[in-house]
N, C-alpha and C. Protein backbone atom coordinates (compact mmCIF):
# COMPACT_ATOMS: atom_id res chain seq x y z
N MET A 1 0.45 -1.29 -0.27
CA MET A 1 0.35 -0.19 -0.09
C MET A 1 1.18 1.08 0.11
N ILE A 2 1.43 0.94 0.59
CA ILE A 2 2.83 2.43 0.77
C ILE A 2 3.60 2.33 -0.15
N LYS A 3 4.09 1.62 -0.75
CA LYS A 3 4.74 1.35 -2.19
C LYS A 3 3.73 2.10 -3.36
N ASN A 4 2.50 1.78 -3.09
CA ASN A 4 2.22 2.20 -4.12
C ASN A 4 1.45 3.27 -3.91
N LEU A 5 1.36 4.53 -2.98
CA LEU A 5 1.15 5.54 -2.73
C LEU A 5 2.72 6.55 -3.05
N VAL A 6 4.28 5.98 -2.61
CA VAL A 6 5.51 6.68 -3.22
C VAL A 6 5.15 6.26 -5.26
N ILE A 7 4.67 5.78 -5.50
CA ILE A 7 4.57 5.59 -6.91
C ILE A 7 4.23 6.54 -7.29
N ILE A 8 2.61 6.46 -7.00
CA ILE A 8 1.61 6.94 -7.14
C ILE A 8 2.03 8.47 -7.28
N ALA A 9 2.65 8.79 -5.95
CA ALA A 9 3.63 10.31 -5.77
C ALA A 9 4.21 10.76 -6.79
N SER A 10 5.42 10.12 -7.27
CA SER A 10 6.54 10.59 -7.73
C SER A 10 6.16 10.17 -9.09
N LEU A 11 4.73 9.96 -9.90
CA LEU A 11 4.56 10.16 -11.25
C LEU A 11 4.23 11.12 -11.05
N LEU A 12 2.75 11.77 -10.12
CA LEU A 12 2.34 13.40 -9.84
C LEU A 12 3.57 14.70 -10.59
N LEU A 13 4.57 14.03 -9.29
CA LEU A 13 5.93 15.09 -9.73
C LEU A 13 6.15 14.89 -10.71
N SER A 14 6.53 14.22 -10.95
CA SER A 14 7.26 14.06 -12.46
C SER A 14 6.34 14.92 -13.34
N ILE A 15 4.89 14.64 -13.16
CA ILE A 15 4.30 15.03 -14.86
C ILE A 15 4.21 16.90 -14.48
N HIS A 16 4.31 17.04 -12.83
CA HIS A 16 3.73 18.55 -13.11
C HIS A 16 5.38 19.20 -12.61
N SER A 17 6.15 18.51 -13.01
CA SER A 17 8.13 19.56 -13.26
C SER A 17 7.58 19.59 -14.44
N PHE A 18 7.08 18.21 -15.72
CA PHE A 18 7.45 18.37 -17.18
C PHE A 18 6.26 19.56 -17.80
N SER A 19 5.49 19.82 -16.72
CA SER A 19 3.95 20.37 -17.77
C SER A 19 4.42 21.62 -17.78
N GLN A 20 5.44 22.55 -17.78
CA GLN A 20 5.81 23.37 -17.50
C GLN A 20 7.55 24.23 -17.15
N ASN A 21 8.03 24.76 -18.58
CA ASN A 21 9.50 24.66 -18.42
C ASN A 21 9.47 26.45 -18.16
N LEU A 22 9.26 27.07 -17.67
CA LEU A 22 9.48 28.31 -17.40
C LEU A 22 10.28 28.92 -16.43
N GLU A 23 12.47 28.30 -16.55
CA GLU A 23 13.17 28.11 -15.90
C GLU A 23 13.62 29.92 -15.92
N CYS A 24 13.07 30.45 -16.90
CA CYS A 24 13.18 32.12 -16.48
C CYS A 24 12.55 32.59 -15.82
N CYS A 25 11.19 32.71 -15.44
CA CYS A 25 10.63 33.67 -14.99
C CYS A 25 9.46 32.88 -14.21
N LYS A 26 10.08 33.51 -12.92
CA LYS A 26 9.35 33.41 -11.25
C LYS A 26 7.70 34.91 -11.51
N THR A 27 7.49 35.48 -12.00
CA THR A 27 6.59 36.06 -12.18
C THR A 27 6.18 37.03 -13.54
N ILE A 28 4.90 36.82 -13.78
CA ILE A 28 4.45 37.57 -14.57
C ILE A 28 4.48 38.91 -15.29
N SER A 29 5.51 39.59 -15.17
CA SER A 29 6.17 40.67 -15.78
C SER A 29 7.77 39.79 -15.81
N GLU A 30 8.30 38.82 -15.52
CA GLU A 30 9.24 38.34 -15.83
C GLU A 30 8.70 37.47 -17.62
N VAL A 31 7.59 36.98 -17.89
CA VAL A 31 7.70 36.67 -18.70
C VAL A 31 6.81 37.18 -19.93
N LYS A 32 5.77 38.21 -19.47
CA LYS A 32 6.10 39.48 -20.74
C LYS A 32 7.11 40.15 -20.80
N LYS A 33 8.23 40.06 -20.33
CA LYS A 33 9.82 40.72 -20.25
C LYS A 33 10.25 39.87 -21.53
N TYR A 34 10.51 37.99 -21.05
CA TYR A 34 11.14 37.15 -22.02
C TYR A 34 10.22 37.37 -23.33
N ILE A 35 8.77 37.36 -23.64
CA ILE A 35 7.91 37.00 -25.21
C ILE A 35 8.16 38.16 -25.69
N VAL A 36 8.69 39.60 -25.38
CA VAL A 36 8.35 40.89 -25.98
C VAL A 36 10.17 40.72 -26.97
N GLY A 37 9.25 40.59 -28.37
CA GLY A 37 10.23 40.62 -29.30
C GLY A 37 9.73 39.67 -30.81
N ASP A 38 10.42 39.49 -31.56
CA ASP A 38 10.17 38.84 -33.35
C ASP A 38 10.64 37.42 -33.19
N TRP A 39 9.08 36.52 -33.37
CA TRP A 39 9.08 35.31 -33.18
C TRP A 39 8.57 34.86 -34.79
N LYS A 40 8.73 33.38 -35.06
CA LYS A 40 8.64 32.66 -36.20
C LYS A 40 8.38 31.49 -35.92
N LEU A 41 7.50 30.96 -36.64
CA LEU A 41 7.19 29.91 -36.03
C LEU A 41 7.58 28.83 -36.52
N GLU A 42 8.30 27.28 -36.01
CA GLU A 42 9.06 26.93 -36.18
C GLU A 42 8.48 25.59 -37.28
N GLY A 43 9.22 25.91 -38.44
CA GLY A 43 9.14 24.86 -39.54
C GLY A 43 8.54 25.77 -40.50
N ASP A 44 8.03 26.93 -40.27
CA ASP A 44 7.03 27.88 -40.96
C ASP A 44 8.46 28.13 -42.83
N SER A 45 7.85 27.88 -43.84
CA SER A 45 8.64 28.21 -45.50
C SER A 45 8.20 29.60 -45.47
N LYS A 46 7.52 30.25 -44.89
CA LYS A 46 7.07 32.04 -45.04
C LYS A 46 8.25 32.22 -44.61
N ASN A 47 8.76 34.05 -44.63
CA ASN A 47 8.84 34.76 -44.27
C ASN A 47 8.20 35.99 -43.48
N VAL A 48 7.66 35.16 -42.41
CA VAL A 48 7.10 35.36 -41.37
C VAL A 48 7.11 36.03 -39.69
N VAL A 49 6.99 37.09 -39.50
CA VAL A 49 7.12 36.86 -38.18
C VAL A 49 6.22 38.20 -37.07
N TYR A 50 6.01 37.26 -35.86
CA TYR A 50 5.35 37.55 -35.26
C TYR A 50 5.88 38.46 -34.42
N ARG A 51 6.03 39.65 -34.05
CA ARG A 51 6.10 40.64 -33.05
C ARG A 51 5.16 41.24 -31.54
N PHE A 52 5.92 39.94 -30.79
CA PHE A 52 5.22 40.41 -29.72
C PHE A 52 5.28 41.66 -28.63
N SER A 53 4.78 42.92 -28.01
CA SER A 53 5.28 43.94 -27.77
C SER A 53 3.79 44.18 -26.49
N PHE A 54 4.41 45.13 -25.68
CA PHE A 54 3.40 45.42 -24.83
C PHE A 54 3.33 47.16 -25.04
N SER A 55 2.74 47.93 -24.18
CA SER A 55 2.00 49.10 -24.41
C SER A 55 1.18 49.50 -22.71
N LYS A 56 1.37 49.65 -21.60
CA LYS A 56 1.50 50.24 -20.59
C LYS A 56 1.77 48.21 -20.35
N THR A 57 -0.20 47.76 -19.49
CA THR A 57 -0.30 46.97 -19.76
C THR A 57 -1.10 46.01 -21.11
N LYS A 58 -1.10 46.20 -21.75
CA LYS A 58 -1.34 45.76 -23.02
C LYS A 58 -0.54 45.03 -23.67
N GLY A 59 -0.93 43.86 -24.34
CA GLY A 59 0.20 42.73 -24.88
C GLY A 59 -0.85 43.02 -26.40
N PHE A 60 0.44 43.02 -27.38
CA PHE A 60 -0.57 42.73 -28.68
C PHE A 60 1.16 42.09 -29.67
N ILE A 61 -0.23 41.92 -31.11
CA ILE A 61 0.96 40.82 -31.67
C ILE A 61 0.78 41.81 -33.06
N GLU A 62 1.93 41.82 -33.84
CA GLU A 62 1.54 42.10 -35.26
C GLU A 62 2.44 41.18 -35.66
N VAL A 63 1.87 41.14 -37.47
CA VAL A 63 2.63 39.82 -37.77
C VAL A 63 3.08 40.55 -39.46
N LEU A 64 4.73 40.97 -39.19
CA LEU A 64 4.52 41.55 -40.82
C LEU A 64 5.11 39.84 -41.36
N GLN A 65 4.91 39.89 -42.62
CA GLN A 65 5.06 39.32 -43.57
C GLN A 65 6.59 39.19 -44.60
N GLU A 66 7.09 40.83 -44.44
CA GLU A 66 8.66 41.09 -44.62
C GLU A 66 9.16 41.55 -43.69
N MET A 67 10.46 42.03 -43.29
CA MET A 67 11.17 42.90 -42.77
C MET A 67 10.79 44.07 -43.11
N ASN A 68 11.45 44.28 -44.94
CA ASN A 68 11.66 45.40 -44.43
C ASN A 68 10.17 46.19 -45.48
N LEU A 69 9.24 45.51 -44.70
CA LEU A 69 7.76 46.41 -45.42
C LEU A 69 7.61 47.25 -43.86
N PRO A 70 6.40 48.06 -43.81
CA PRO A 70 5.77 49.05 -42.34
C PRO A 70 5.36 47.90 -42.02
N PRO A 71 5.45 47.63 -40.55
CA PRO A 71 4.64 46.74 -39.53
C PRO A 71 3.08 46.92 -39.83
N LYS A 72 2.56 46.53 -40.53
CA LYS A 72 1.07 46.29 -40.93
C LYS A 72 1.26 45.20 -41.46
N ALA A 73 0.12 44.50 -41.09
CA ALA A 73 -0.69 42.78 -41.02
C ALA A 73 -1.94 42.48 -42.11
N VAL A 74 -1.78 41.95 -42.51
CA VAL A 74 -3.19 41.28 -43.00
C VAL A 74 -4.01 40.66 -42.61
N LYS A 75 -4.98 41.04 -41.97
CA LYS A 75 -6.40 40.50 -41.91
C LYS A 75 -6.49 39.47 -42.68
N THR A 76 -6.29 38.27 -41.95
CA THR A 76 -6.34 36.79 -42.32
C THR A 76 -6.55 35.99 -40.81
N ARG A 77 -6.61 34.73 -40.90
CA ARG A 77 -6.01 34.17 -40.19
C ARG A 77 -5.07 33.09 -40.62
N GLU A 78 -4.70 32.18 -39.58
CA GLU A 78 -3.68 30.83 -40.60
C GLU A 78 -3.06 29.98 -39.30
N ASN A 79 -3.07 28.48 -39.23
CA ASN A 79 -3.44 27.46 -38.52
C ASN A 79 -3.54 28.33 -36.87
N ASP A 80 -5.02 28.83 -36.85
CA ASP A 80 -5.52 29.66 -35.69
C ASP A 80 -4.82 30.60 -34.72
N ILE A 81 -4.32 30.88 -35.41
CA ILE A 81 -2.84 31.88 -35.38
C ILE A 81 -2.88 32.91 -35.41
N ILE A 82 -3.76 34.23 -34.72
CA ILE A 82 -4.48 35.73 -35.50
C ILE A 82 -3.15 35.96 -36.28
N ILE A 83 -3.98 36.80 -37.32
CA ILE A 83 -2.98 37.74 -38.11
C ILE A 83 -3.80 38.73 -38.76
N ASN A 84 -3.64 39.66 -37.53
CA ASN A 84 -4.34 41.33 -37.86
C ASN A 84 -3.43 41.96 -36.79
N ASP A 85 -3.20 43.82 -37.62
CA ASP A 85 -2.57 44.33 -36.81
C ASP A 85 -3.19 44.57 -35.80
N HIS A 86 -2.39 44.27 -34.83
CA HIS A 86 -1.99 44.98 -33.19
C HIS A 86 -3.12 43.85 -32.68
N GLU A 87 -3.45 42.41 -33.01
CA GLU A 87 -4.40 41.68 -32.07
C GLU A 87 -3.18 42.18 -30.63
N ILE A 88 -4.82 41.71 -29.88
CA ILE A 88 -4.29 41.47 -28.00
C ILE A 88 -4.46 40.31 -27.03
N PHE A 89 -2.88 40.49 -27.08
CA PHE A 89 -2.81 39.30 -25.40
C PHE A 89 -2.46 40.17 -24.16
N ASN A 90 -2.70 38.53 -23.55
CA ASN A 90 -2.91 38.64 -21.83
C ASN A 90 -2.21 38.07 -21.42
N ILE A 91 -1.17 37.95 -20.30
CA ILE A 91 -0.81 37.11 -19.80
C ILE A 91 -1.24 36.39 -18.28
N GLN A 92 -1.76 35.59 -18.08
CA GLN A 92 -1.72 35.64 -16.61
C GLN A 92 -1.67 34.19 -15.97
N SER A 93 -1.77 34.19 -15.00
CA SER A 93 -0.95 33.00 -13.99
C SER A 93 -2.30 32.19 -13.07
N LYS A 94 -1.73 30.63 -13.16
CA LYS A 94 -2.68 30.27 -12.04
C LYS A 94 -2.42 29.07 -11.82
N GLN A 95 -2.71 29.40 -10.04
CA GLN A 95 -1.10 27.92 -9.29
C GLN A 95 -0.15 28.28 -10.00
N GLY A 96 0.78 28.71 -10.72
CA GLY A 96 2.35 28.64 -10.45
C GLY A 96 2.29 28.57 -12.07
N HIS A 97 1.02 28.33 -13.23
CA HIS A 97 1.83 28.38 -14.35
C HIS A 97 1.06 29.03 -15.18
N TYR A 98 1.88 29.87 -16.66
CA TYR A 98 1.43 30.74 -17.06
C TYR A 98 0.59 30.67 -18.52
N PHE A 99 -0.70 31.32 -18.42
CA PHE A 99 -1.29 30.92 -19.96
C PHE A 99 -1.20 32.35 -20.62
N ILE A 100 -1.87 32.35 -22.17
CA ILE A 100 -1.63 32.92 -22.84
C ILE A 100 -3.41 33.58 -23.52
N GLU A 101 -3.09 34.84 -23.45
CA GLU A 101 -4.90 34.84 -23.83
C GLU A 101 -4.64 36.12 -24.65
N ILE A 102 -4.89 35.37 -26.22
CA ILE A 102 -5.33 36.14 -27.11
C ILE A 102 -6.85 36.49 -27.59
N GLN A 103 -7.12 38.01 -27.61
CA GLN A 103 -8.16 38.63 -28.57
C GLN A 103 -9.11 38.76 -29.63
N SER A 104 -9.47 38.20 -30.13
CA SER A 104 -9.79 38.45 -31.63
C SER A 104 -11.36 39.19 -31.31
N LEU A 105 -11.52 39.98 -32.86
CA LEU A 105 -12.85 39.91 -32.73
C LEU A 105 -13.99 39.21 -32.92
N TYR A 106 -13.19 37.72 -33.51
CA TYR A 106 -13.79 36.70 -34.17
C TYR A 106 -13.86 35.79 -32.35
N TYR A 107 -12.94 35.51 -31.84
CA TYR A 107 -12.69 34.86 -31.09
C TYR A 107 -12.04 35.21 -29.54
N GLU A 108 -11.84 34.16 -28.92
CA GLU A 108 -10.61 34.12 -27.52
C GLU A 108 -10.25 32.42 -27.69
N ILE A 109 -9.02 32.86 -27.00
CA ILE A 109 -8.15 31.62 -26.80
C ILE A 109 -7.26 31.70 -25.87
N LYS A 110 -7.30 31.00 -25.17
CA LYS A 110 -6.08 30.66 -23.80
C LYS A 110 -5.70 29.35 -23.86
N GLU A 111 -4.29 29.69 -23.89
CA GLU A 111 -3.72 28.90 -23.83
C GLU A 111 -2.54 28.00 -22.53
N GLN A 112 -2.12 27.49 -22.02
CA GLN A 112 -0.61 27.85 -21.05
C GLN A 112 0.24 27.70 -22.25
N ILE A 113 1.07 28.24 -21.66
CA ILE A 113 2.52 28.44 -21.45
C ILE A 113 3.08 27.43 -20.77
N LEU A 114 3.86 26.41 -22.20
CA LEU A 114 4.86 25.08 -21.71
C LEU A 114 6.56 25.07 -21.56
N VAL A 115 6.79 26.41 -22.82
CA VAL A 115 8.61 26.57 -22.46
C VAL A 115 8.75 27.98 -23.12
N LEU A 116 9.49 28.63 -22.21
CA LEU A 116 9.39 30.11 -22.98
C LEU A 116 11.26 30.29 -22.52
N ASN A 117 12.11 30.87 -23.09
CA ASN A 117 13.34 31.22 -22.56
C ASN A 117 14.03 32.26 -24.00
N ASP A 118 14.99 32.03 -23.97
CA ASP A 118 15.50 33.28 -25.00
C ASP A 118 15.31 32.58 -26.17
N THR A 119 15.16 31.66 -27.01
CA THR A 119 14.98 31.07 -27.97
C THR A 119 13.91 30.21 -28.38
N ASN A 120 12.62 29.90 -27.31
CA ASN A 120 11.86 29.18 -27.57
C ASN A 120 10.59 30.12 -27.26
N PHE A 121 9.62 29.55 -27.51
CA PHE A 121 8.27 30.06 -26.79
C PHE A 121 7.02 28.53 -27.30
N ILE A 122 6.40 27.74 -26.56
CA ILE A 122 6.06 27.40 -26.55
C ILE A 122 4.35 26.93 -26.10
N TYR A 123 3.32 27.40 -27.29
CA TYR A 123 2.07 27.27 -25.95
C TYR A 123 1.28 26.65 -26.48
N GLY A 124 0.02 25.90 -26.10
CA GLY A 124 -0.71 25.52 -26.68
C GLY A 124 -0.81 23.53 -26.59
N SER A 125 -1.29 22.88 -26.38
CA SER A 125 -1.53 21.00 -27.06
C SER A 125 -2.01 20.99 -27.76
N GLY A 126 -1.57 19.40 -28.53
CA GLY A 126 -2.58 19.04 -30.13
C GLY A 126 -1.85 20.51 -30.58
N ASP A 127 -3.98 19.89 -31.73
CA ASP A 127 -3.88 21.16 -32.64
C ASP A 127 -3.73 22.63 -32.49
N SER A 128 -3.68 22.62 -30.63
CA SER A 128 -3.16 24.06 -30.57
C SER A 128 -2.06 24.57 -30.66
N LYS A 129 -1.29 23.70 -30.57
CA LYS A 129 0.08 23.61 -30.12
C LYS A 129 0.64 24.17 -31.18
N HIS A 130 1.29 25.91 -30.38
CA HIS A 130 2.40 26.86 -31.27
C HIS A 130 3.98 26.15 -30.84
N VAL A 131 4.55 26.17 -31.84
CA VAL A 131 6.22 25.86 -31.82
C VAL A 131 6.92 27.23 -32.12
N PHE A 132 7.20 28.38 -31.44
CA PHE A 132 8.24 29.65 -31.99
C PHE A 132 9.65 30.13 -31.36
N ILE A 133 10.16 30.50 -32.67
CA ILE A 133 11.75 30.31 -31.78
C ILE A 133 12.04 31.82 -32.59
N ARG A 134 13.04 31.97 -31.78
CA ARG A 134 12.96 34.32 -31.69
C ARG A 134 13.82 34.19 -33.05
N ASP A 135 13.54 35.43 -33.39
CA ASP A 135 13.99 35.14 -34.82
C ASP A 135 15.31 36.58 -34.48
N LYS A 136 16.55 36.71 -35.28
CA LYS A 136 17.31 36.84 -34.89
C LYS A 136 17.84 37.41 -35.81
N SER A 137 17.13 37.68 -37.47
CA SER A 137 17.66 38.81 -38.55
C SER A 137 16.91 40.15 -38.20
């Protein structure tokens, strides 16, 4: 009986420790600091940059089709990522886990941030999983 409890406790602790890899951040402010910048979808063959920024407490996503064009995005959707000029997003924390909430005129999504560091930004799971890599250009 005790052996089974130890095994179950070990499994729960290991699942919890792998559920979120935010070694960079202990507060919402730190999460926001790491998200700010230019990101590309991993494996995307198009030259699309997603610029995450904040103005006061609001987060904005700009989609830049090419870096040499003015920062103006096309109003469309692609792979359930909102592609509108200045989409609004917010970071929330619940029970030690961080979530990104993206608001559109058409819908609202809220996904857990799984990985966030200098080079990677991953949120969501399954079909709604988005894997970004920091744009170095």
